[in-house]
Amino acid sequence: MTDLSRFELTNRKALVTGAAGGIGKASALAMAKAGADVAIIDLKEKMGRETVEEIRALGRKSTYIHCDVSDPEQVTEMVKEVVGTLGGLHIAHNNAGIAGDPIPLMDDSAVDEWKKVLNVDLFSVFYCCREEAKHMIPQRYGKIVNTASMSGTIVNCMEMDGVPVAGMAMIAYTTAKAGVKQLTKALAAELIQHNIYVNSISPGYIITPMTQIIQDTPEFLEVENRTTPIHRQGEAEEMAGGVLYLVSDASSYTTGHDLLMDGGHTVW
């Protein structure tokens, strides 16, 4: 009989960035239901505190920490606060990210957009992993999951009236998410000597606050659903199972892996 206790997170201390809503919130709630105490890291204070209350209602400890993860100094203080408040750190889901604005490549603001997206979607993951590892190495245990994207594997084919629509946002986003995947693999190789596992998830088209513009644009929604074998959008809660596997002892022989959860989109 399968031992499902390996999925339990009793007495584990976790943090999730970008946890006020969407995939981050679903991940945080799943960890709490599995027994972990979870710190909610986000810039959206009202939503973040609401998530904290939901976790506390499950009987677990939780706290909200306001943090801009693209600022390494704020990340350092945030991780210290998590450890001090929860009493340790065993699990981290580095999920915070932005989509960026669809600015044409030759626009004068394209360089600024490139820097903004890379700072939030890639550099922040490095900052978080580094600070998290500082606390995990001495205890010789840690589970880190980074949110990449299927856009780190493919370049999304979005078009209107047969004309590709992308702009600087998609160029920066796909580059950043591909970087997250490679960063994850490199860190997995370096940190496994300390019994720290590093993996990533790559969601496909998921219904979250960040993708609301897609839900509100029938033309884009039709393209996404038509080009995905399941022919629908994914739910944030459908990502939580993959995260729970990667942060639990069920994944004791899995590191450096990118888990695609994209409704089959990348098989075509």
C-alpha atoms as a PDB file:
ATOM      1  CA  MET A   1       0.000   0.000   0.000  1.00  0.00           C
ATOM      2  CA  THR A   2       1.278   3.471  -0.878  1.00  0.00           C
ATOM      3  CA  ASP A   3       2.463   5.452   2.148  1.00  0.00           C
ATOM      4  CA  LEU A   4       0.719   8.807   1.721  1.00  0.00           C
ATOM      5  CA  SER A   5       2.322  10.083   4.929  1.00  0.00           C
ATOM      6  CA  ARG A   6       5.292  11.086   2.773  1.00  0.00           C
ATOM      7  CA  PHE A   7       3.152  13.976   1.504  1.00  0.00           C
ATOM      8  CA  GLU A   8       2.580  15.282   5.029  1.00  0.00           C
ATOM      9  CA  LEU A   9       4.303  18.523   6.103  1.00  0.00           C
ATOM     10  CA  THR A  10       3.645  18.377   9.838  1.00  0.00           C
ATOM     11  CA  ASN A  11       5.928  20.740  11.789  1.00  0.00           C
ATOM     12  CA  ARG A  12       7.496  22.105   8.596  1.00  0.00           C
ATOM     13  CA  LYS A  13       7.989  25.859   8.229  1.00  0.00           C
ATOM     14  CA  ALA A  14       7.407  27.363   4.799  1.00  0.00           C
ATOM     15  CA  LEU A  15       7.334  30.635   2.915  1.00  0.00           C
ATOM     16  CA  VAL A  16       5.589  31.426  -0.354  1.00  0.00           C
ATOM     17  CA  THR A  17       6.253  34.578  -2.349  1.00  0.00           C
ATOM     18  CA  GLY A  18       3.464  36.084  -4.427  1.00  0.00           C
ATOM     19  CA  ALA A  19       1.087  34.258  -2.092  1.00  0.00           C
ATOM     20  CA  ALA A  20      -1.734  36.803  -1.804  1.00  0.00           C
ATOM     21  CA  GLY A  21      -3.599  35.207  -4.701  1.00  0.00           C
ATOM     22  CA  GLY A  22      -3.395  32.859  -7.653  1.00  0.00           C
ATOM     23  CA  ILE A  23      -0.905  29.991  -7.722  1.00  0.00           C
ATOM     24  CA  GLY A  24       0.956  31.264  -4.663  1.00  0.00           C
ATOM     25  CA  LYS A  25      -2.168  31.302  -2.512  1.00  0.00           C
ATOM     26  CA  ALA A  26      -3.225  27.850  -3.711  1.00  0.00           C
ATOM     27  CA  SER A  27       0.264  26.557  -2.904  1.00  0.00           C
ATOM     28  CA  ALA A  28       0.283  28.127   0.564  1.00  0.00           C
ATOM     29  CA  LEU A  29      -3.134  26.719   1.446  1.00  0.00           C
ATOM     30  CA  ALA A  30      -2.163  23.246   0.219  1.00  0.00           C
ATOM     31  CA  MET A  31       0.953  23.281   2.396  1.00  0.00           C
ATOM     32  CA  ALA A  32      -1.076  24.415   5.404  1.00  0.00           C
ATOM     33  CA  LYS A  33      -3.625  21.640   4.849  1.00  0.00           C
ATOM     34  CA  ALA A  34      -0.704  19.189   4.755  1.00  0.00           C
ATOM     35  CA  GLY A  35       0.438  20.456   8.166  1.00  0.00           C
ATOM     36  CA  ALA A  36       2.932  23.270   7.509  1.00  0.00           C
ATOM     37  CA  ASP A  37       3.109  26.726   9.051  1.00  0.00           C
ATOM     38  CA  VAL A  38       3.286  29.186   6.140  1.00  0.00           C
ATOM     39  CA  ALA A  39       4.505  32.777   5.784  1.00  0.00           C
ATOM     40  CA  ILE A  40       2.732  34.824   3.105  1.00  0.00           C
ATOM     41  CA  ILE A  41       5.079  37.123   1.182  1.00  0.00           C
ATOM     42  CA  ASP A  42       3.569  39.722  -1.144  1.00  0.00           C
ATOM     43  CA  LEU A  43       3.111  43.413  -1.921  1.00  0.00           C
ATOM     44  CA  LYS A  44      -0.698  43.132  -1.809  1.00  0.00           C
ATOM     45  CA  GLU A  45      -1.230  43.569   1.918  1.00  0.00           C
ATOM     46  CA  LYS A  46      -5.028  43.250   2.112  1.00  0.00           C
ATOM     47  CA  MET A  47      -5.131  40.071   0.057  1.00  0.00           C
ATOM     48  CA  GLY A  48      -2.054  38.740   1.830  1.00  0.00           C
ATOM     49  CA  ARG A  49      -3.579  39.181   5.271  1.00  0.00           C
ATOM     50  CA  GLU A  50      -6.776  37.499   4.093  1.00  0.00           C
ATOM     51  CA  THR A  51      -4.715  34.476   3.055  1.00  0.00           C
ATOM     52  CA  VAL A  52      -3.039  34.480   6.468  1.00  0.00           C
ATOM     53  CA  GLU A  53      -6.454  34.290   8.146  1.00  0.00           C
ATOM     54  CA  GLU A  54      -7.466  31.369   5.937  1.00  0.00           C
ATOM     55  CA  ILE A  55      -4.340  29.483   6.982  1.00  0.00           C
ATOM     56  CA  ARG A  56      -4.862  30.251  10.655  1.00  0.00           C
ATOM     57  CA  ALA A  57      -8.420  28.943  10.329  1.00  0.00           C
ATOM     58  CA  LEU A  58      -6.837  25.607   9.396  1.00  0.00           C
ATOM     59  CA  GLY A  59      -5.024  25.584  12.730  1.00  0.00           C
ATOM     60  CA  ARG A  60      -1.619  26.493  11.360  1.00  0.00           C
ATOM     61  CA  LYS A  61       0.661  29.445  12.140  1.00  0.00           C
ATOM     62  CA  SER A  62       0.959  32.132   9.488  1.00  0.00           C
ATOM     63  CA  THR A  63       2.212  35.673   9.058  1.00  0.00           C
ATOM     64  CA  TYR A  64       2.141  38.302   6.320  1.00  0.00           C
ATOM     65  CA  ILE A  65       5.387  40.002   5.292  1.00  0.00           C
ATOM     66  CA  HIS A  66       5.436  42.923   2.867  1.00  0.00           C
ATOM     67  CA  CYS A  67       8.434  42.456   0.570  1.00  0.00           C
ATOM     68  CA  ASP A  68       9.622  43.557  -2.852  1.00  0.00           C
ATOM     69  CA  VAL A  69      11.512  40.408  -3.852  1.00  0.00           C
ATOM     70  CA  SER A  70      13.423  42.273  -6.563  1.00  0.00           C
ATOM     71  CA  ASP A  71      15.281  44.100  -3.762  1.00  0.00           C
ATOM     72  CA  PRO A  72      17.971  41.807  -2.292  1.00  0.00           C
ATOM     73  CA  GLU A  73      18.104  43.733   0.986  1.00  0.00           C
ATOM     74  CA  GLN A  74      14.370  43.327   1.507  1.00  0.00           C
ATOM     75  CA  VAL A  75      14.675  39.618   0.709  1.00  0.00           C
ATOM     76  CA  THR A  76      17.391  39.199   3.346  1.00  0.00           C
ATOM     77  CA  GLU A  77      15.233  40.822   6.014  1.00  0.00           C
ATOM     78  CA  MET A  78      12.135  38.922   4.894  1.00  0.00           C
ATOM     79  CA  VAL A  79      13.753  35.508   5.273  1.00  0.00           C
ATOM     80  CA  LYS A  80      15.142  36.475   8.677  1.00  0.00           C
ATOM     81  CA  GLU A  81      11.642  37.519   9.763  1.00  0.00           C
ATOM     82  CA  VAL A  82      10.137  34.248   8.535  1.00  0.00           C
ATOM     83  CA  VAL A  83      12.684  32.236  10.516  1.00  0.00           C
ATOM     84  CA  GLY A  84      12.179  34.367  13.607  1.00  0.00           C
ATOM     85  CA  THR A  85       8.380  34.249  13.463  1.00  0.00           C
ATOM     86  CA  LEU A  86       7.802  30.636  12.452  1.00  0.00           C
ATOM     87  CA  GLY A  87      10.855  29.225  14.203  1.00  0.00           C
ATOM     88  CA  GLY A  88      12.652  27.909  11.156  1.00  0.00           C
ATOM     89  CA  LEU A  89      12.528  27.400   7.402  1.00  0.00           C
ATOM     90  CA  HIS A  90      12.240  24.029   5.669  1.00  0.00           C
ATOM     91  CA  ILE A  91      10.281  24.907   2.525  1.00  0.00           C
ATOM     92  CA  ALA A  92      10.257  27.821   0.098  1.00  0.00           C
ATOM     93  CA  HIS A  93       8.099  28.394  -2.956  1.00  0.00           C
ATOM     94  CA  ASN A  94       9.524  31.332  -4.908  1.00  0.00           C
ATOM     95  CA  ASN A  95       6.470  32.183  -6.950  1.00  0.00           C
ATOM     96  CA  ALA A  96       6.259  35.985  -7.246  1.00  0.00           C
ATOM     97  CA  GLY A  97       6.310  37.312 -10.782  1.00  0.00           C
ATOM     98  CA  ILE A  98       4.858  39.759 -13.284  1.00  0.00           C
ATOM     99  CA  ALA A  99       3.773  39.479 -16.909  1.00  0.00           C
ATOM    100  CA  GLY A 100       5.059  42.869 -18.023  1.00  0.00           C
ATOM    101  CA  ASP A 101       3.583  45.335 -20.500  1.00  0.00           C
ATOM    102  CA  PRO A 102       3.346  44.562 -24.250  1.00  0.00           C
ATOM    103  CA  ILE A 103       5.804  47.216 -25.396  1.00  0.00           C
ATOM    104  CA  PRO A 104       7.232  46.865 -28.944  1.00  0.00           C
ATOM    105  CA  LEU A 105      10.914  45.928 -29.121  1.00  0.00           C
ATOM    106  CA  MET A 106      11.925  49.216 -30.753  1.00  0.00           C
ATOM    107  CA  ASP A 107      10.003  51.415 -28.333  1.00  0.00           C
ATOM    108  CA  ASP A 108      12.130  53.824 -26.278  1.00  0.00           C
ATOM    109  CA  SER A 109      10.924  52.190 -23.041  1.00  0.00           C
ATOM    110  CA  ALA A 110      11.759  48.621 -24.104  1.00  0.00           C
ATOM    111  CA  VAL A 111      15.031  48.524 -22.161  1.00  0.00           C
ATOM    112  CA  ASP A 112      13.314  49.648 -18.965  1.00  0.00           C
ATOM    113  CA  GLU A 113      10.617  46.998 -19.459  1.00  0.00           C
ATOM    114  CA  TRP A 114      13.294  44.335 -20.009  1.00  0.00           C
ATOM    115  CA  LYS A 115      15.030  45.285 -16.747  1.00  0.00           C
ATOM    116  CA  LYS A 116      11.758  45.380 -14.793  1.00  0.00           C
ATOM    117  CA  VAL A 117      10.612  41.918 -15.870  1.00  0.00           C
ATOM    118  CA  LEU A 118      14.026  40.298 -15.449  1.00  0.00           C
ATOM    119  CA  ASN A 119      14.420  41.842 -11.990  1.00  0.00           C
ATOM    120  CA  VAL A 120      11.104  40.496 -10.726  1.00  0.00           C
ATOM    121  CA  ASP A 121      10.882  37.201 -12.592  1.00  0.00           C
ATOM    122  CA  LEU A 122      14.513  36.025 -12.543  1.00  0.00           C
ATOM    123  CA  PHE A 123      16.823  38.042 -10.317  1.00  0.00           C
ATOM    124  CA  SER A 124      14.387  37.806  -7.404  1.00  0.00           C
ATOM    125  CA  VAL A 125      14.469  34.019  -7.574  1.00  0.00           C
ATOM    126  CA  PHE A 126      18.245  34.080  -7.199  1.00  0.00           C
ATOM    127  CA  TYR A 127      18.012  36.476  -4.246  1.00  0.00           C
ATOM    128  CA  CYS A 128      15.383  34.325  -2.522  1.00  0.00           C
ATOM    129  CA  CYS A 129      17.139  31.008  -3.107  1.00  0.00           C
ATOM    130  CA  ARG A 130      20.408  32.417  -1.776  1.00  0.00           C
ATOM    131  CA  GLU A 131      18.890  33.695   1.466  1.00  0.00           C
ATOM    132  CA  GLU A 132      16.769  30.587   1.954  1.00  0.00           C
ATOM    133  CA  ALA A 133      19.775  28.350   1.491  1.00  0.00           C
ATOM    134  CA  LYS A 134      21.653  30.247   4.206  1.00  0.00           C
ATOM    135  CA  HIS A 135      19.118  28.964   6.727  1.00  0.00           C
ATOM    136  CA  MET A 136      18.665  25.506   5.203  1.00  0.00           C
ATOM    137  CA  ILE A 137      22.346  24.532   4.890  1.00  0.00           C
ATOM    138  CA  PRO A 138      23.072  24.390   8.658  1.00  0.00           C
ATOM    139  CA  GLN A 139      20.069  22.113   9.265  1.00  0.00           C
ATOM    140  CA  ARG A 140      20.962  19.945   6.252  1.00  0.00           C
ATOM    141  CA  TYR A 141      17.447  19.986   4.890  1.00  0.00           C
ATOM    142  CA  GLY A 142      15.456  22.115   2.502  1.00  0.00           C
ATOM    143  CA  LYS A 143      12.898  22.003  -0.289  1.00  0.00           C
ATOM    144  CA  ILE A 144      12.859  24.902  -2.750  1.00  0.00           C
ATOM    145  CA  VAL A 145      10.383  25.229  -5.606  1.00  0.00           C
ATOM    146  CA  ASN A 146      10.615  28.046  -8.142  1.00  0.00           C
ATOM    147  CA  THR A 147       7.778  29.060 -10.437  1.00  0.00           C
ATOM    148  CA  ALA A 148       8.939  29.092 -14.036  1.00  0.00           C
ATOM    149  CA  SER A 149       6.439  28.793 -16.894  1.00  0.00           C
ATOM    150  CA  MET A 150       5.775  26.812 -20.030  1.00  0.00           C
ATOM    151  CA  SER A 151       6.930  30.086 -21.629  1.00  0.00           C
ATOM    152  CA  GLY A 152      10.421  29.099 -20.506  1.00  0.00           C
ATOM    153  CA  THR A 153      10.113  26.048 -22.771  1.00  0.00           C
ATOM    154  CA  ILE A 154       8.275  27.575 -25.733  1.00  0.00           C
ATOM    155  CA  VAL A 155       7.453  31.056 -26.990  1.00  0.00           C
ATOM    156  CA  ASN A 156       3.683  31.448 -26.730  1.00  0.00           C
ATOM    157  CA  CYS A 157       1.947  31.663 -30.097  1.00  0.00           C
ATOM    158  CA  MET A 158      -0.509  34.515 -29.595  1.00  0.00           C
ATOM    159  CA  GLU A 159      -2.000  36.132 -32.651  1.00  0.00           C
ATOM    160  CA  MET A 160      -4.816  38.442 -33.638  1.00  0.00           C
ATOM    161  CA  ASP A 161      -6.199  38.178 -37.190  1.00  0.00           C
ATOM    162  CA  GLY A 162      -3.212  36.033 -38.144  1.00  0.00           C
ATOM    163  CA  VAL A 163      -0.658  38.562 -36.873  1.00  0.00           C
ATOM    164  CA  PRO A 164       1.625  37.520 -33.969  1.00  0.00           C
ATOM    165  CA  VAL A 165       1.164  39.644 -30.835  1.00  0.00           C
ATOM    166  CA  ALA A 166       3.988  39.696 -28.325  1.00  0.00           C
ATOM    167  CA  GLY A 167       5.995  42.827 -27.664  1.00  0.00           C
ATOM    168  CA  MET A 168       8.775  43.374 -25.172  1.00  0.00           C
ATOM    169  CA  ALA A 169       6.809  41.821 -22.306  1.00  0.00           C
ATOM    170  CA  MET A 170       6.718  38.364 -23.908  1.00  0.00           C
ATOM    171  CA  ILE A 171      10.381  38.536 -24.952  1.00  0.00           C
ATOM    172  CA  ALA A 172      11.463  39.427 -21.413  1.00  0.00           C
ATOM    173  CA  TYR A 173       9.035  36.992 -19.789  1.00  0.00           C
ATOM    174  CA  THR A 174      10.089  33.950 -21.822  1.00  0.00           C
ATOM    175  CA  THR A 175      13.753  34.796 -21.281  1.00  0.00           C
ATOM    176  CA  ALA A 176      13.258  35.200 -17.527  1.00  0.00           C
ATOM    177  CA  LYS A 177      11.314  31.957 -17.154  1.00  0.00           C
ATOM    178  CA  ALA A 178      13.878  29.999 -19.170  1.00  0.00           C
ATOM    179  CA  GLY A 179      16.453  31.487 -16.805  1.00  0.00           C
ATOM    180  CA  VAL A 180      14.471  30.285 -13.787  1.00  0.00           C
ATOM    181  CA  LYS A 181      14.574  26.737 -15.150  1.00  0.00           C
ATOM    182  CA  GLN A 182      18.351  26.817 -15.658  1.00  0.00           C
ATOM    183  CA  LEU A 183      18.933  28.555 -12.323  1.00  0.00           C
ATOM    184  CA  THR A 184      16.908  25.796 -10.677  1.00  0.00           C
ATOM    185  CA  LYS A 185      19.021  23.072 -12.287  1.00  0.00           C
ATOM    186  CA  ALA A 186      22.298  24.765 -11.384  1.00  0.00           C
ATOM    187  CA  LEU A 187      21.224  25.301  -7.773  1.00  0.00           C
ATOM    188  CA  ALA A 188      20.003  21.711  -7.543  1.00  0.00           C
ATOM    189  CA  ALA A 189      23.467  20.484  -8.485  1.00  0.00           C
ATOM    190  CA  GLU A 190      25.179  22.796  -5.986  1.00  0.00           C
ATOM    191  CA  LEU A 191      22.856  22.388  -3.019  1.00  0.00           C
ATOM    192  CA  ILE A 192      22.111  18.652  -3.004  1.00  0.00           C
ATOM    193  CA  GLN A 193      25.345  18.125  -1.043  1.00  0.00           C
ATOM    194  CA  HIS A 194      23.517  19.914   1.789  1.00  0.00           C
ATOM    195  CA  ASN A 195      20.387  17.774   1.327  1.00  0.00           C
ATOM    196  CA  ILE A 196      18.547  20.726  -0.227  1.00  0.00           C
ATOM    197  CA  TYR A 197      16.310  19.899  -3.178  1.00  0.00           C
ATOM    198  CA  VAL A 198      15.585  22.538  -5.828  1.00  0.00           C
ATOM    199  CA  ASN A 199      12.894  22.061  -8.468  1.00  0.00           C
ATOM    200  CA  SER A 200      10.581  24.227 -10.546  1.00  0.00           C
ATOM    201  CA  ILE A 201       7.051  24.144 -11.864  1.00  0.00           C
ATOM    202  CA  SER A 202       6.028  25.415 -15.284  1.00  0.00           C
ATOM    203  CA  PRO A 203       2.338  26.312 -15.372  1.00  0.00           C
ATOM    204  CA  GLY A 204       0.486  26.802 -18.619  1.00  0.00           C
ATOM    205  CA  TYR A 205      -2.498  29.083 -19.106  1.00  0.00           C
ATOM    206  CA  ILE A 206      -3.872  29.470 -15.580  1.00  0.00           C
ATOM    207  CA  ILE A 207      -6.747  31.603 -14.288  1.00  0.00           C
ATOM    208  CA  THR A 208      -5.176  34.037 -11.813  1.00  0.00           C
ATOM    209  CA  PRO A 209      -5.478  37.761 -11.067  1.00  0.00           C
ATOM    210  CA  MET A 210      -2.411  38.317 -13.271  1.00  0.00           C
ATOM    211  CA  THR A 211      -4.131  36.765 -16.295  1.00  0.00           C
ATOM    212  CA  GLN A 212      -7.442  38.599 -15.863  1.00  0.00           C
ATOM    213  CA  ILE A 213      -6.818  40.545 -19.071  1.00  0.00           C
ATOM    214  CA  ILE A 214      -6.893  37.244 -20.968  1.00  0.00           C
ATOM    215  CA  GLN A 215     -10.176  36.216 -19.341  1.00  0.00           C
ATOM    216  CA  ASP A 216     -11.600  39.590 -20.363  1.00  0.00           C
ATOM    217  CA  THR A 217     -10.418  39.329 -23.993  1.00  0.00           C
ATOM    218  CA  PRO A 218     -12.423  36.660 -25.860  1.00  0.00           C
ATOM    219  CA  GLU A 219     -10.052  36.672 -28.848  1.00  0.00           C
ATOM    220  CA  PHE A 220      -6.999  35.848 -26.715  1.00  0.00           C
ATOM    221  CA  LEU A 221      -8.918  33.343 -24.597  1.00  0.00           C
ATOM    222  CA  GLU A 222     -10.059  31.500 -27.719  1.00  0.00           C
ATOM    223  CA  VAL A 223      -6.486  31.227 -29.017  1.00  0.00           C
ATOM    224  CA  GLU A 224      -5.162  29.907 -25.695  1.00  0.00           C
ATOM    225  CA  ASN A 225      -7.904  27.309 -25.342  1.00  0.00           C
ATOM    226  CA  ARG A 226      -7.718  26.227 -28.983  1.00  0.00           C
ATOM    227  CA  THR A 227      -3.954  25.657 -28.845  1.00  0.00           C
ATOM    228  CA  THR A 228      -4.110  23.628 -25.609  1.00  0.00           C
ATOM    229  CA  PRO A 229      -5.091  19.935 -25.954  1.00  0.00           C
ATOM    230  CA  ILE A 230      -7.323  20.092 -22.856  1.00  0.00           C
ATOM    231  CA  HIS A 231      -9.035  23.110 -24.498  1.00  0.00           C
ATOM    232  CA  ARG A 232      -9.515  25.099 -21.310  1.00  0.00           C
ATOM    233  CA  GLN A 233      -7.718  27.282 -18.804  1.00  0.00           C
ATOM    234  CA  GLY A 234      -6.155  25.701 -15.740  1.00  0.00           C
ATOM    235  CA  GLU A 235      -7.145  26.530 -12.164  1.00  0.00           C
ATOM    236  CA  ALA A 236      -4.571  27.737  -9.641  1.00  0.00           C
ATOM    237  CA  GLU A 237      -5.572  24.862  -7.365  1.00  0.00           C
ATOM    238  CA  GLU A 238      -4.529  22.416 -10.091  1.00  0.00           C
ATOM    239  CA  MET A 239      -0.936  23.589  -9.637  1.00  0.00           C
ATOM    240  CA  ALA A 240      -0.933  22.923  -5.878  1.00  0.00           C
ATOM    241  CA  GLY A 241      -0.608  19.137  -6.203  1.00  0.00           C
ATOM    242  CA  GLY A 242       2.637  19.453  -8.112  1.00  0.00           C
ATOM    243  CA  VAL A 243       4.033  21.900  -5.581  1.00  0.00           C
ATOM    244  CA  LEU A 244       2.995  19.659  -2.685  1.00  0.00           C
ATOM    245  CA  TYR A 245       4.832  16.724  -4.253  1.00  0.00           C
ATOM    246  CA  LEU A 246       8.009  18.741  -4.757  1.00  0.00           C
ATOM    247  CA  VAL A 247       8.090  20.220  -1.228  1.00  0.00           C
ATOM    248  CA  SER A 248       7.296  16.938   0.527  1.00  0.00           C
ATOM    249  CA  ASP A 249       9.365  13.839   1.214  1.00  0.00           C
ATOM    250  CA  ALA A 250       7.455  12.097  -1.586  1.00  0.00           C
ATOM    251  CA  SER A 251       9.972  13.735  -3.961  1.00  0.00           C
ATOM    252  CA  SER A 252      13.044  12.383  -2.146  1.00  0.00           C
ATOM    253  CA  TYR A 253      14.635  11.298  -5.462  1.00  0.00           C
ATOM    254  CA  THR A 254      13.696  14.385  -7.465  1.00  0.00           C
ATOM    255  CA  THR A 255      15.880  17.457  -7.814  1.00  0.00           C
ATOM    256  CA  GLY A 256      16.711  19.781 -10.699  1.00  0.00           C
ATOM    257  CA  HIS A 257      13.386  18.894 -12.317  1.00  0.00           C
ATOM    258  CA  ASP A 258      10.960  21.224 -14.090  1.00  0.00           C
ATOM    259  CA  LEU A 259       7.373  20.005 -13.764  1.00  0.00           C
ATOM    260  CA  LEU A 260       5.270  21.112 -16.736  1.00  0.00           C
ATOM    261  CA  MET A 261       1.588  21.527 -15.846  1.00  0.00           C
ATOM    262  CA  ASP A 262       0.241  23.074 -19.028  1.00  0.00           C
ATOM    263  CA  GLY A 263      -2.799  21.105 -20.150  1.00  0.00           C
ATOM    264  CA  GLY A 264      -0.625  19.494 -22.815  1.00  0.00           C
ATOM    265  CA  HIS A 265       0.118  22.794 -24.563  1.00  0.00           C
ATOM    266  CA  THR A 266       3.804  22.072 -25.171  1.00  0.00           C
ATOM    267  CA  VAL A 267       3.227  18.644 -26.746  1.00  0.00           C
ATOM    268  CA  TRP A 268       2.317  20.365 -30.041  1.00  0.00           C
END
